Amino acid sequence: MVDVNNLNVKFGEKHVVHDVSFTVDKGEIIGLFGISGAGKTTIVRVLTCQIEKKHWTGNVMVTGLSPEKKSNHSKILSNIGYVPQLELLNLYFELDPMVNVEVFTSTYGMNKKRAKETAEELFKILDIPRDTWKKRVEKMSGGEKKRLSMAIGLIHNPDVLFLDEPTTGVDASKRYDILSYLKKLNQKLNTTMFIITHDLESALICDKVAILKDGRLLEFDTSQNLISSLPSEGLIARFTIEDLNEKLIAFIKKFPSIRRIIRVGNEAIEVLMENFEENLPKLIEYMVDNNITITSMSKDIATFRRYFQIRIQKEEEEESSLKEVKVIRK
């Protein structure tokens, strides 16, 4: 569905995307993760024909067509859907959901009867209450508006759907509902999806995740494979320690097999180490022998959230080391 090879994007002297490459198959859900300025939105703007070719180089194909050629833009745009972060960008709040559908599908020249049938099918899948179908959108709840926005993005049956921060603006308790609906739509319609987000929990429904930083693609793989690449395949020990402070953390870090310690609370740390099962009892003994009071301990597998944090930290540490080397050489 989407093939990107050596994509570079520049605006004047500003190089915002650096040699990004990835391939997406039909029906996959891809999560684009990264802090602000990572390059997520710029990459999507290339894929959706929003950036002129003079600003980018590389080989890019979307639904078998290259956005390099302006003559392909209308066809690409008819093959893709887009759900913006803010519903007011693709919904008319003063109109009801069905009239919104009519307005949107008229731009695609869709048959009115077929559009109505498709809308009703999508509304049912997304649990948009029937009693809201003929009421003003402004009267709908935040979650209902978000789901209606998704339905509008899918109404013309696109091959690829781009979703910008789909869980933003939704109550925390409803975030998982939105993700569940996306997975349900993906499985039922086999639509390829790109989720552009800061919400790391979205990785739960993604087939593959892309981690971006400063316009560079750090990783592109399944979240399970990335987590398994951590020491001891992602096993972590979580300790709650009395009177925890940075000096104490630095001392614990001296234990030979430890590869990383992350502070996760006022009195809590997570520890990754080599040969986890063999070395965990030794680590506990080391802390007890040095009068470190452990009030609780548990074992777990790292989450994608934790992997993301570790991967970004590692990149920042490497960048910092390179800067130090350059300063020394000067």
C-alpha atoms as a PDB file:
ATOM      1  CA  MET A   1       0.000   0.000   0.000  1.00  0.00           C
ATOM      2  CA  VAL A   2       2.772   2.444   0.913  1.00  0.00           C
ATOM      3  CA  ASP A   3       6.461   2.224   0.010  1.00  0.00           C
ATOM      4  CA  VAL A   4       8.948   4.888   1.135  1.00  0.00           C
ATOM      5  CA  ASN A   5      12.627   4.756   0.196  1.00  0.00           C
ATOM      6  CA  ASN A   6      15.275   7.275   1.270  1.00  0.00           C
ATOM      7  CA  LEU A   7      12.799  10.099   1.842  1.00  0.00           C
ATOM      8  CA  ASN A   8      14.444  13.438   2.592  1.00  0.00           C
ATOM      9  CA  VAL A   9      12.520  16.653   3.119  1.00  0.00           C
ATOM     10  CA  LYS A  10      14.092  20.100   3.132  1.00  0.00           C
ATOM     11  CA  PHE A  11      12.670  23.603   3.399  1.00  0.00           C
ATOM     12  CA  GLY A  12      15.503  25.879   2.397  1.00  0.00           C
ATOM     13  CA  GLU A  13      18.424  25.066   4.683  1.00  0.00           C
ATOM     14  CA  LYS A  14      16.223  23.217   7.152  1.00  0.00           C
ATOM     15  CA  HIS A  15      16.505  19.435   6.761  1.00  0.00           C
ATOM     16  CA  VAL A  16      13.424  18.032   8.520  1.00  0.00           C
ATOM     17  CA  VAL A  17      13.311  14.382   7.360  1.00  0.00           C
ATOM     18  CA  HIS A  18      16.474  12.312   6.897  1.00  0.00           C
ATOM     19  CA  ASP A  19      16.668   9.151   4.733  1.00  0.00           C
ATOM     20  CA  VAL A  20      13.439   7.560   5.967  1.00  0.00           C
ATOM     21  CA  SER A  21      12.492   4.174   4.492  1.00  0.00           C
ATOM     22  CA  PHE A  22       9.639   1.764   5.285  1.00  0.00           C
ATOM     23  CA  THR A  23       7.077  -0.457   3.584  1.00  0.00           C
ATOM     24  CA  VAL A  24       3.462  -0.989   4.590  1.00  0.00           C
ATOM     25  CA  ASP A  25       1.315  -3.882   3.387  1.00  0.00           C
ATOM     26  CA  LYS A  26      -2.439  -3.836   2.854  1.00  0.00           C
ATOM     27  CA  GLY A  27      -4.485  -4.084   6.019  1.00  0.00           C
ATOM     28  CA  GLU A  28      -1.671  -3.135   8.402  1.00  0.00           C
ATOM     29  CA  ILE A  29      -2.068  -0.593  11.172  1.00  0.00           C
ATOM     30  CA  ILE A  30       1.047   1.553  11.500  1.00  0.00           C
ATOM     31  CA  GLY A  31       1.761   3.788  14.476  1.00  0.00           C
ATOM     32  CA  LEU A  32       3.972   6.848  13.934  1.00  0.00           C
ATOM     33  CA  PHE A  33       5.391   7.812  17.322  1.00  0.00           C
ATOM     34  CA  GLY A  34       7.688  10.630  18.334  1.00  0.00           C
ATOM     35  CA  ILE A  35       7.850  13.820  20.339  1.00  0.00           C
ATOM     36  CA  SER A  36       6.974  17.153  18.692  1.00  0.00           C
ATOM     37  CA  GLY A  37       9.287  17.893  15.772  1.00  0.00           C
ATOM     38  CA  ALA A  38      10.040  14.222  15.146  1.00  0.00           C
ATOM     39  CA  GLY A  39       8.867  14.412  11.525  1.00  0.00           C
ATOM     40  CA  LYS A  40       5.630  12.429  11.773  1.00  0.00           C
ATOM     41  CA  THR A  41       3.375  15.044  10.240  1.00  0.00           C
ATOM     42  CA  THR A  42       5.886  15.989   7.525  1.00  0.00           C
ATOM     43  CA  ILE A  43       6.098  12.372   6.322  1.00  0.00           C
ATOM     44  CA  VAL A  44       2.304  12.121   6.213  1.00  0.00           C
ATOM     45  CA  ARG A  45       2.107  15.408   4.304  1.00  0.00           C
ATOM     46  CA  VAL A  46       4.368  13.896   1.621  1.00  0.00           C
ATOM     47  CA  LEU A  47       2.204  10.764   1.466  1.00  0.00           C
ATOM     48  CA  THR A  48      -0.958  12.854   1.148  1.00  0.00           C
ATOM     49  CA  CYS A  49       0.372  15.130  -1.623  1.00  0.00           C
ATOM     50  CA  GLN A  50       0.588  18.240   0.588  1.00  0.00           C
ATOM     51  CA  ILE A  51       4.295  18.993   0.024  1.00  0.00           C
ATOM     52  CA  GLU A  52       5.607  20.005  -3.376  1.00  0.00           C
ATOM     53  CA  LYS A  53       8.190  17.731  -4.964  1.00  0.00           C
ATOM     54  CA  LYS A  54      10.788  20.495  -4.940  1.00  0.00           C
ATOM     55  CA  HIS A  55      10.994  20.083  -1.151  1.00  0.00           C
ATOM     56  CA  TRP A  56      11.568  16.321  -1.061  1.00  0.00           C
ATOM     57  CA  THR A  57      13.663  13.576  -2.637  1.00  0.00           C
ATOM     58  CA  GLY A  58      13.391   9.809  -2.607  1.00  0.00           C
ATOM     59  CA  ASN A  59      11.049   7.182  -3.993  1.00  0.00           C
ATOM     60  CA  VAL A  60       7.526   7.256  -2.557  1.00  0.00           C
ATOM     61  CA  MET A  61       4.536   5.179  -3.628  1.00  0.00           C
ATOM     62  CA  VAL A  62       1.023   5.442  -2.185  1.00  0.00           C
ATOM     63  CA  THR A  63      -1.530   2.894  -3.413  1.00  0.00           C
ATOM     64  CA  GLY A  64       0.791   2.186  -6.345  1.00  0.00           C
ATOM     65  CA  LEU A  65       1.113   5.838  -7.376  1.00  0.00           C
ATOM     66  CA  SER A  66       3.859   8.385  -6.783  1.00  0.00           C
ATOM     67  CA  PRO A  67       2.961  11.786  -5.266  1.00  0.00           C
ATOM     68  CA  GLU A  68       5.980  13.071  -7.221  1.00  0.00           C
ATOM     69  CA  LYS A  69       3.682  13.534 -10.227  1.00  0.00           C
ATOM     70  CA  LYS A  70       0.946  16.130  -9.836  1.00  0.00           C
ATOM     71  CA  SER A  71      -1.135  14.188 -12.336  1.00  0.00           C
ATOM     72  CA  ASN A  72      -1.381  11.392  -9.722  1.00  0.00           C
ATOM     73  CA  HIS A  73      -2.583  13.614  -6.879  1.00  0.00           C
ATOM     74  CA  SER A  74      -6.323  13.424  -7.535  1.00  0.00           C
ATOM     75  CA  LYS A  75      -6.196   9.634  -7.842  1.00  0.00           C
ATOM     76  CA  ILE A  76      -4.084   9.256  -4.673  1.00  0.00           C
ATOM     77  CA  LEU A  77      -6.440  11.551  -2.753  1.00  0.00           C
ATOM     78  CA  SER A  78      -9.436   9.518  -3.896  1.00  0.00           C
ATOM     79  CA  ASN A  79      -7.688   6.371  -2.599  1.00  0.00           C
ATOM     80  CA  ILE A  80      -6.959   7.738   0.882  1.00  0.00           C
ATOM     81  CA  GLY A  81      -8.928   9.078   3.838  1.00  0.00           C
ATOM     82  CA  TYR A  82      -7.928  11.532   6.525  1.00  0.00           C
ATOM     83  CA  VAL A  83      -9.249  12.019  10.054  1.00  0.00           C
ATOM     84  CA  PRO A  84      -7.910  15.271  11.561  1.00  0.00           C
ATOM     85  CA  GLN A  85      -7.083  15.767  15.222  1.00  0.00           C
ATOM     86  CA  LEU A  86      -9.854  18.356  15.587  1.00  0.00           C
ATOM     87  CA  GLU A  87     -13.321  17.249  14.458  1.00  0.00           C
ATOM     88  CA  LEU A  88     -14.287  20.808  13.529  1.00  0.00           C
ATOM     89  CA  LEU A  89     -11.878  20.483  10.578  1.00  0.00           C
ATOM     90  CA  ASN A  90     -13.959  17.803   8.835  1.00  0.00           C
ATOM     91  CA  LEU A  91     -17.402  18.069  10.460  1.00  0.00           C
ATOM     92  CA  TYR A  92     -20.105  20.703  10.165  1.00  0.00           C
ATOM     93  CA  PHE A  93     -21.330  21.037  13.742  1.00  0.00           C
ATOM     94  CA  GLU A  94     -24.553  22.845  12.790  1.00  0.00           C
ATOM     95  CA  LEU A  95     -25.631  19.925  10.564  1.00  0.00           C
ATOM     96  CA  ASP A  96     -26.653  16.398  11.496  1.00  0.00           C
ATOM     97  CA  PRO A  97     -24.406  13.341  10.809  1.00  0.00           C
ATOM     98  CA  MET A  98     -26.350  12.235   7.721  1.00  0.00           C
ATOM     99  CA  VAL A  99     -26.190  15.690   6.119  1.00  0.00           C
ATOM    100  CA  ASN A 100     -22.452  15.732   6.888  1.00  0.00           C
ATOM    101  CA  VAL A 101     -22.202  12.483   4.947  1.00  0.00           C
ATOM    102  CA  GLU A 102     -24.111  13.984   1.997  1.00  0.00           C
ATOM    103  CA  VAL A 103     -21.865  17.059   1.914  1.00  0.00           C
ATOM    104  CA  PHE A 104     -18.679  14.997   2.030  1.00  0.00           C
ATOM    105  CA  THR A 105     -19.709  12.311  -0.474  1.00  0.00           C
ATOM    106  CA  SER A 106     -20.930  14.920  -2.964  1.00  0.00           C
ATOM    107  CA  THR A 107     -17.289  15.927  -3.497  1.00  0.00           C
ATOM    108  CA  TYR A 108     -16.585  12.347  -4.606  1.00  0.00           C
ATOM    109  CA  GLY A 109     -19.655  12.088  -6.789  1.00  0.00           C
ATOM    110  CA  MET A 110     -20.923   9.129  -4.759  1.00  0.00           C
ATOM    111  CA  ASN A 111     -24.421   7.791  -5.285  1.00  0.00           C
ATOM    112  CA  LYS A 112     -26.638   9.189  -2.489  1.00  0.00           C
ATOM    113  CA  LYS A 113     -28.340   5.890  -1.751  1.00  0.00           C
ATOM    114  CA  ARG A 114     -25.031   4.010  -1.596  1.00  0.00           C
ATOM    115  CA  ALA A 115     -23.498   6.753   0.568  1.00  0.00           C
ATOM    116  CA  LYS A 116     -26.433   6.517   3.029  1.00  0.00           C
ATOM    117  CA  GLU A 117     -26.138   2.727   3.204  1.00  0.00           C
ATOM    118  CA  THR A 118     -22.357   2.915   3.773  1.00  0.00           C
ATOM    119  CA  ALA A 119     -22.817   5.577   6.452  1.00  0.00           C
ATOM    120  CA  GLU A 120     -25.397   3.517   8.311  1.00  0.00           C
ATOM    121  CA  GLU A 121     -23.103   0.488   8.213  1.00  0.00           C
ATOM    122  CA  LEU A 122     -20.180   2.503   9.580  1.00  0.00           C
ATOM    123  CA  PHE A 123     -22.344   4.195  12.228  1.00  0.00           C
ATOM    124  CA  LYS A 124     -23.462   0.766  13.453  1.00  0.00           C
ATOM    125  CA  ILE A 125     -19.880  -0.572  13.580  1.00  0.00           C
ATOM    126  CA  LEU A 126     -18.807   2.540  15.500  1.00  0.00           C
ATOM    127  CA  ASP A 127     -21.795   2.429  17.875  1.00  0.00           C
ATOM    128  CA  ILE A 128     -22.985   5.903  16.928  1.00  0.00           C
ATOM    129  CA  PRO A 129     -26.475   5.968  18.496  1.00  0.00           C
ATOM    130  CA  ARG A 130     -29.300   5.960  15.950  1.00  0.00           C
ATOM    131  CA  ASP A 131     -31.068   8.784  17.815  1.00  0.00           C
ATOM    132  CA  THR A 132     -28.125  11.099  16.983  1.00  0.00           C
ATOM    133  CA  TRP A 133     -28.172  10.485  13.249  1.00  0.00           C
ATOM    134  CA  LYS A 134     -30.683  13.301  12.657  1.00  0.00           C
ATOM    135  CA  LYS A 135     -29.506  15.668  15.406  1.00  0.00           C
ATOM    136  CA  ARG A 136     -26.948  18.448  15.154  1.00  0.00           C
ATOM    137  CA  VAL A 137     -23.362  17.264  15.546  1.00  0.00           C
ATOM    138  CA  GLU A 138     -22.826  19.944  18.221  1.00  0.00           C
ATOM    139  CA  LYS A 139     -25.220  17.982  20.466  1.00  0.00           C
ATOM    140  CA  MET A 140     -23.091  14.818  20.286  1.00  0.00           C
ATOM    141  CA  SER A 141     -20.600  13.789  22.971  1.00  0.00           C
ATOM    142  CA  GLY A 142     -16.851  14.102  22.378  1.00  0.00           C
ATOM    143  CA  GLY A 143     -16.513  10.369  21.769  1.00  0.00           C
ATOM    144  CA  GLU A 144     -19.441  10.334  19.341  1.00  0.00           C
ATOM    145  CA  LYS A 145     -17.946  13.234  17.373  1.00  0.00           C
ATOM    146  CA  LYS A 146     -14.617  11.408  17.187  1.00  0.00           C
ATOM    147  CA  ARG A 147     -16.305   8.253  15.867  1.00  0.00           C
ATOM    148  CA  LEU A 148     -18.360  10.275  13.372  1.00  0.00           C
ATOM    149  CA  SER A 149     -15.132  11.869  12.131  1.00  0.00           C
ATOM    150  CA  MET A 150     -13.733   8.367  11.568  1.00  0.00           C
ATOM    151  CA  ALA A 151     -16.868   7.344   9.660  1.00  0.00           C
ATOM    152  CA  ILE A 152     -16.583  10.417   7.409  1.00  0.00           C
ATOM    153  CA  GLY A 153     -12.933   9.547   6.713  1.00  0.00           C
ATOM    154  CA  LEU A 154     -13.953   6.036   5.666  1.00  0.00           C
ATOM    155  CA  ILE A 155     -17.171   6.823   3.790  1.00  0.00           C
ATOM    156  CA  HIS A 156     -15.579   6.565   0.318  1.00  0.00           C
ATOM    157  CA  ASN A 157     -13.914   3.229   1.188  1.00  0.00           C
ATOM    158  CA  PRO A 158     -10.276   4.430   0.991  1.00  0.00           C
ATOM    159  CA  ASP A 159      -7.389   2.000   0.708  1.00  0.00           C
ATOM    160  CA  VAL A 160      -5.384   3.952   3.308  1.00  0.00           C
ATOM    161  CA  LEU A 161      -6.718   5.972   6.250  1.00  0.00           C
ATOM    162  CA  PHE A 162      -4.567   8.548   8.061  1.00  0.00           C
ATOM    163  CA  LEU A 163      -5.616   9.400  11.629  1.00  0.00           C
ATOM    164  CA  ASP A 164      -4.080  12.402  13.352  1.00  0.00           C
ATOM    165  CA  GLU A 165      -4.095  11.956  17.147  1.00  0.00           C
ATOM    166  CA  PRO A 166      -7.341   9.906  17.205  1.00  0.00           C
ATOM    167  CA  THR A 167      -7.425   9.676  21.023  1.00  0.00           C
ATOM    168  CA  THR A 168      -6.744  13.376  21.697  1.00  0.00           C
ATOM    169  CA  GLY A 169      -9.671  15.242  23.251  1.00  0.00           C
ATOM    170  CA  VAL A 170     -11.303  12.008  24.415  1.00  0.00           C
ATOM    171  CA  ASP A 171     -11.720  11.191  28.105  1.00  0.00           C
ATOM    172  CA  ALA A 172      -8.965   8.888  29.367  1.00  0.00           C
ATOM    173  CA  SER A 173     -11.580   6.213  30.070  1.00  0.00           C
ATOM    174  CA  LYS A 174     -12.699   6.345  26.420  1.00  0.00           C
ATOM    175  CA  ARG A 175      -9.261   6.142  24.763  1.00  0.00           C
ATOM    176  CA  TYR A 176      -9.287   2.357  24.698  1.00  0.00           C
ATOM    177  CA  ASP A 177     -12.788   2.414  23.213  1.00  0.00           C
ATOM    178  CA  ILE A 178     -11.540   4.539  20.299  1.00  0.00           C
ATOM    179  CA  LEU A 179      -8.607   2.177  19.752  1.00  0.00           C
ATOM    180  CA  SER A 180     -10.945  -0.821  19.867  1.00  0.00           C
ATOM    181  CA  TYR A 181     -13.180   0.763  17.230  1.00  0.00           C
ATOM    182  CA  LEU A 182     -10.183   1.379  14.985  1.00  0.00           C
ATOM    183  CA  LYS A 183      -9.104  -2.260  15.285  1.00  0.00           C
ATOM    184  CA  LYS A 184     -12.661  -3.373  14.601  1.00  0.00           C
ATOM    185  CA  LEU A 185     -12.837  -1.216  11.467  1.00  0.00           C
ATOM    186  CA  ASN A 186      -9.444  -2.455  10.315  1.00  0.00           C
ATOM    187  CA  GLN A 187     -10.449  -6.102  10.692  1.00  0.00           C
ATOM    188  CA  LYS A 188     -13.847  -5.661   9.062  1.00  0.00           C
ATOM    189  CA  LEU A 189     -12.813  -3.398   6.150  1.00  0.00           C
ATOM    190  CA  ASN A 190      -9.134  -4.435   5.785  1.00  0.00           C
ATOM    191  CA  THR A 191      -8.233  -0.746   5.559  1.00  0.00           C
ATOM    192  CA  THR A 192      -4.570   0.164   5.935  1.00  0.00           C
ATOM    193  CA  MET A 193      -4.234   2.726   8.732  1.00  0.00           C
ATOM    194  CA  PHE A 194      -1.617   5.225   9.848  1.00  0.00           C
ATOM    195  CA  ILE A 195      -2.006   6.511  13.400  1.00  0.00           C
ATOM    196  CA  ILE A 196       0.000   9.694  13.974  1.00  0.00           C
ATOM    197  CA  THR A 197       0.139  10.141  17.729  1.00  0.00           C
ATOM    198  CA  HIS A 198       1.869  10.938  21.014  1.00  0.00           C
ATOM    199  CA  ASP A 199      -0.358   8.370  22.754  1.00  0.00           C
ATOM    200  CA  LEU A 200       1.948   5.388  23.236  1.00  0.00           C
ATOM    201  CA  GLU A 201      -0.972   3.166  24.257  1.00  0.00           C
ATOM    202  CA  SER A 202      -2.017   3.217  20.592  1.00  0.00           C
ATOM    203  CA  ALA A 203       0.788   0.705  19.962  1.00  0.00           C
ATOM    204  CA  LEU A 204      -1.556  -1.918  21.438  1.00  0.00           C
ATOM    205  CA  ILE A 205      -3.483  -2.132  18.152  1.00  0.00           C
ATOM    206  CA  CYS A 206      -0.604  -1.485  15.727  1.00  0.00           C
ATOM    207  CA  ASP A 207       0.916  -4.201  13.550  1.00  0.00           C
ATOM    208  CA  LYS A 208       4.110  -2.150  13.323  1.00  0.00           C
ATOM    209  CA  VAL A 209       5.404   0.972  15.008  1.00  0.00           C
ATOM    210  CA  ALA A 210       7.728   3.666  13.722  1.00  0.00           C
ATOM    211  CA  ILE A 211       9.768   5.632  16.237  1.00  0.00           C
ATOM    212  CA  LEU A 212      10.979   8.989  14.928  1.00  0.00           C
ATOM    213  CA  LYS A 213      13.268  11.611  16.419  1.00  0.00           C
ATOM    214  CA  ASP A 214      14.482  14.811  14.782  1.00  0.00           C
ATOM    215  CA  GLY A 215      13.337  13.601  11.367  1.00  0.00           C
ATOM    216  CA  ARG A 216      15.119  10.253  11.611  1.00  0.00           C
ATOM    217  CA  LEU A 217      13.492   6.840  11.718  1.00  0.00           C
ATOM    218  CA  LEU A 218      15.010   5.069  14.719  1.00  0.00           C
ATOM    219  CA  GLU A 219      12.935   1.897  14.546  1.00  0.00           C
ATOM    220  CA  PHE A 220      10.274   0.286  12.365  1.00  0.00           C
ATOM    221  CA  ASP A 221       9.078  -3.103  13.605  1.00  0.00           C
ATOM    222  CA  THR A 222       6.442  -4.816  15.708  1.00  0.00           C
ATOM    223  CA  SER A 223       6.306  -3.589  19.286  1.00  0.00           C
ATOM    224  CA  GLN A 224       6.881  -7.181  20.445  1.00  0.00           C
ATOM    225  CA  ASN A 225      10.126  -7.455  18.470  1.00  0.00           C
ATOM    226  CA  LEU A 226      11.350  -4.115  19.788  1.00  0.00           C
ATOM    227  CA  ILE A 227      10.604  -5.037  23.393  1.00  0.00           C
ATOM    228  CA  SER A 228      12.310  -8.416  22.914  1.00  0.00           C
ATOM    229  CA  SER A 229      15.466  -6.612  21.767  1.00  0.00           C
ATOM    230  CA  LEU A 230      15.920  -5.234  25.288  1.00  0.00           C
ATOM    231  CA  PRO A 231      18.245  -7.051  27.751  1.00  0.00           C
ATOM    232  CA  SER A 232      16.765 -10.423  28.801  1.00  0.00           C
ATOM    233  CA  GLU A 233      14.069  -9.938  26.132  1.00  0.00           C
ATOM    234  CA  GLY A 234      12.412  -7.115  28.021  1.00  0.00           C
ATOM    235  CA  LEU A 235      12.115  -8.654  31.483  1.00  0.00           C
ATOM    236  CA  ILE A 236      12.147  -5.949  34.136  1.00  0.00           C
ATOM    237  CA  ALA A 237      12.351  -5.907  37.933  1.00  0.00           C
ATOM    238  CA  ARG A 238      10.300  -3.207  39.625  1.00  0.00           C
ATOM    239  CA  PHE A 239      11.459  -2.194  43.097  1.00  0.00           C
ATOM    240  CA  THR A 240       9.915   0.129  45.644  1.00  0.00           C
ATOM    241  CA  ILE A 241      12.746   1.422  47.839  1.00  0.00           C
ATOM    242  CA  GLU A 242      12.567   3.397  51.053  1.00  0.00           C
ATOM    243  CA  ASP A 243      14.091   6.900  50.890  1.00  0.00           C
ATOM    244  CA  LEU A 244      14.988   6.504  47.215  1.00  0.00           C
ATOM    245  CA  ASN A 245      17.248   9.227  45.804  1.00  0.00           C
ATOM    246  CA  GLU A 246      19.614   9.713  42.859  1.00  0.00           C
ATOM    247  CA  LYS A 247      22.677   8.771  44.941  1.00  0.00           C
ATOM    248  CA  LEU A 248      21.050   5.461  45.843  1.00  0.00           C
ATOM    249  CA  ILE A 249      20.106   4.819  42.195  1.00  0.00           C
ATOM    250  CA  ALA A 250      23.700   5.490  41.105  1.00  0.00           C
ATOM    251  CA  PHE A 251      24.924   2.974  43.696  1.00  0.00           C
ATOM    252  CA  ILE A 252      22.469   0.275  42.560  1.00  0.00           C
ATOM    253  CA  LYS A 253      23.521   0.900  38.958  1.00  0.00           C
ATOM    254  CA  LYS A 254      27.037  -0.259  39.854  1.00  0.00           C
ATOM    255  CA  PHE A 255      25.768  -3.848  40.061  1.00  0.00           C
ATOM    256  CA  PRO A 256      27.622  -5.506  37.117  1.00  0.00           C
ATOM    257  CA  SER A 257      24.756  -7.018  35.099  1.00  0.00           C
ATOM    258  CA  ILE A 258      22.488  -3.957  35.161  1.00  0.00           C
ATOM    259  CA  ARG A 259      22.046  -2.305  31.767  1.00  0.00           C
ATOM    260  CA  ARG A 260      19.550   0.422  32.657  1.00  0.00           C
ATOM    261  CA  ILE A 261      17.650   1.817  35.627  1.00  0.00           C
ATOM    262  CA  ILE A 262      14.570   3.994  35.157  1.00  0.00           C
ATOM    263  CA  ARG A 263      12.977   5.939  37.967  1.00  0.00           C
ATOM    264  CA  VAL A 264       9.212   5.450  37.688  1.00  0.00           C
ATOM    265  CA  GLY A 265       8.004   7.123  40.889  1.00  0.00           C
ATOM    266  CA  ASN A 266       9.078   8.808  44.094  1.00  0.00           C
ATOM    267  CA  GLU A 267      10.201   5.494  45.545  1.00  0.00           C
ATOM    268  CA  ALA A 268      10.127   3.167  42.532  1.00  0.00           C
ATOM    269  CA  ILE A 269      12.620   2.043  39.891  1.00  0.00           C
ATOM    270  CA  GLU A 270      12.576  -0.423  37.019  1.00  0.00           C
ATOM    271  CA  VAL A 271      15.730  -2.402  36.309  1.00  0.00           C
ATOM    272  CA  LEU A 272      16.832  -4.103  33.094  1.00  0.00           C
ATOM    273  CA  MET A 273      19.743  -6.525  33.306  1.00  0.00           C
ATOM    274  CA  GLU A 274      21.465  -9.338  31.464  1.00  0.00           C
ATOM    275  CA  ASN A 275      20.702 -12.954  32.496  1.00  0.00           C
ATOM    276  CA  PHE A 276      17.689 -11.744  34.426  1.00  0.00           C
ATOM    277  CA  GLU A 277      16.639 -14.906  36.282  1.00  0.00           C
ATOM    278  CA  GLU A 278      20.190 -15.700  37.331  1.00  0.00           C
ATOM    279  CA  ASN A 279      21.120 -12.196  38.432  1.00  0.00           C
ATOM    280  CA  LEU A 280      17.907 -10.989  40.077  1.00  0.00           C
ATOM    281  CA  PRO A 281      18.523 -12.873  43.374  1.00  0.00           C
ATOM    282  CA  LYS A 282      22.105 -11.565  43.370  1.00  0.00           C
ATOM    283  CA  LEU A 283      20.881  -8.003  42.864  1.00  0.00           C
ATOM    284  CA  ILE A 284      18.458  -8.315  45.770  1.00  0.00           C
ATOM    285  CA  GLU A 285      21.236  -9.700  47.963  1.00  0.00           C
ATOM    286  CA  TYR A 286      23.527  -6.835  46.873  1.00  0.00           C
ATOM    287  CA  MET A 287      20.934  -4.231  47.898  1.00  0.00           C
ATOM    288  CA  VAL A 288      20.099  -5.907  51.228  1.00  0.00           C
ATOM    289  CA  ASP A 289      23.801  -6.272  52.095  1.00  0.00           C
ATOM    290  CA  ASN A 290      24.226  -2.540  51.503  1.00  0.00           C
ATOM    291  CA  ASN A 291      21.302  -1.573  53.759  1.00  0.00           C
ATOM    292  CA  ILE A 292      18.945  -0.627  50.954  1.00  0.00           C
ATOM    293  CA  THR A 293      15.389  -1.185  52.199  1.00  0.00           C
ATOM    294  CA  ILE A 294      13.201  -2.860  49.556  1.00  0.00           C
ATOM    295  CA  THR A 295       9.525  -2.483  50.463  1.00  0.00           C
ATOM    296  CA  SER A 296       8.194  -4.358  47.400  1.00  0.00           C
ATOM    297  CA  MET A 297       9.438  -6.114  44.278  1.00  0.00           C
ATOM    298  CA  SER A 298       7.735  -7.495  41.167  1.00  0.00           C
ATOM    299  CA  LYS A 299       8.687  -8.933  37.778  1.00  0.00           C
ATOM    300  CA  ASP A 300       7.123  -7.951  34.483  1.00  0.00           C
ATOM    301  CA  ILE A 301       7.691  -7.507  30.749  1.00  0.00           C
ATOM    302  CA  ALA A 302       8.472  -3.983  29.549  1.00  0.00           C
ATOM    303  CA  THR A 303       5.650  -2.152  27.807  1.00  0.00           C
ATOM    304  CA  PHE A 304       6.039  -0.300  24.515  1.00  0.00           C
ATOM    305  CA  ARG A 305       5.842   2.920  26.545  1.00  0.00           C
ATOM    306  CA  ARG A 306       8.923   1.834  28.481  1.00  0.00           C
ATOM    307  CA  TYR A 307      10.730   0.708  25.297  1.00  0.00           C
ATOM    308  CA  PHE A 308      10.013   4.079  23.675  1.00  0.00           C
ATOM    309  CA  GLN A 309      11.407   5.915  26.698  1.00  0.00           C
ATOM    310  CA  ILE A 310      14.557   3.769  26.725  1.00  0.00           C
ATOM    311  CA  ARG A 311      15.096   4.109  22.975  1.00  0.00           C
ATOM    312  CA  ILE A 312      14.767   7.890  23.025  1.00  0.00           C
ATOM    313  CA  GLN A 313      17.071   8.112  26.060  1.00  0.00           C
ATOM    314  CA  LYS A 314      19.648   5.961  24.299  1.00  0.00           C
ATOM    315  CA  GLU A 315      19.549   8.198  21.229  1.00  0.00           C
ATOM    316  CA  GLU A 316      19.949  11.322  23.355  1.00  0.00           C
ATOM    317  CA  GLU A 317      22.888   9.778  25.225  1.00  0.00           C
ATOM    318  CA  GLU A 318      24.612   8.906  21.946  1.00  0.00           C
ATOM    319  CA  GLU A 319      24.024  12.425  20.620  1.00  0.00           C
ATOM    320  CA  SER A 320      25.434  13.889  23.828  1.00  0.00           C
ATOM    321  CA  SER A 321      28.537  11.668  23.587  1.00  0.00           C
ATOM    322  CA  LEU A 322      29.156  12.748  19.990  1.00  0.00           C
ATOM    323  CA  LYS A 323      28.925  16.406  21.006  1.00  0.00           C
ATOM    324  CA  GLU A 324      31.456  15.824  23.810  1.00  0.00           C
ATOM    325  CA  VAL A 325      33.860  14.135  21.392  1.00  0.00           C
ATOM    326  CA  LYS A 326      33.558  17.073  18.972  1.00  0.00           C
ATOM    327  CA  VAL A 327      34.249  19.550  21.785  1.00  0.00           C
ATOM    328  CA  ILE A 328      37.336  17.588  22.896  1.00  0.00           C
ATOM    329  CA  ARG A 329      38.661  17.451  19.306  1.00  0.00           C
ATOM    330  CA  LYS A 330      38.252  21.210  18.968  1.00  0.00           C
END
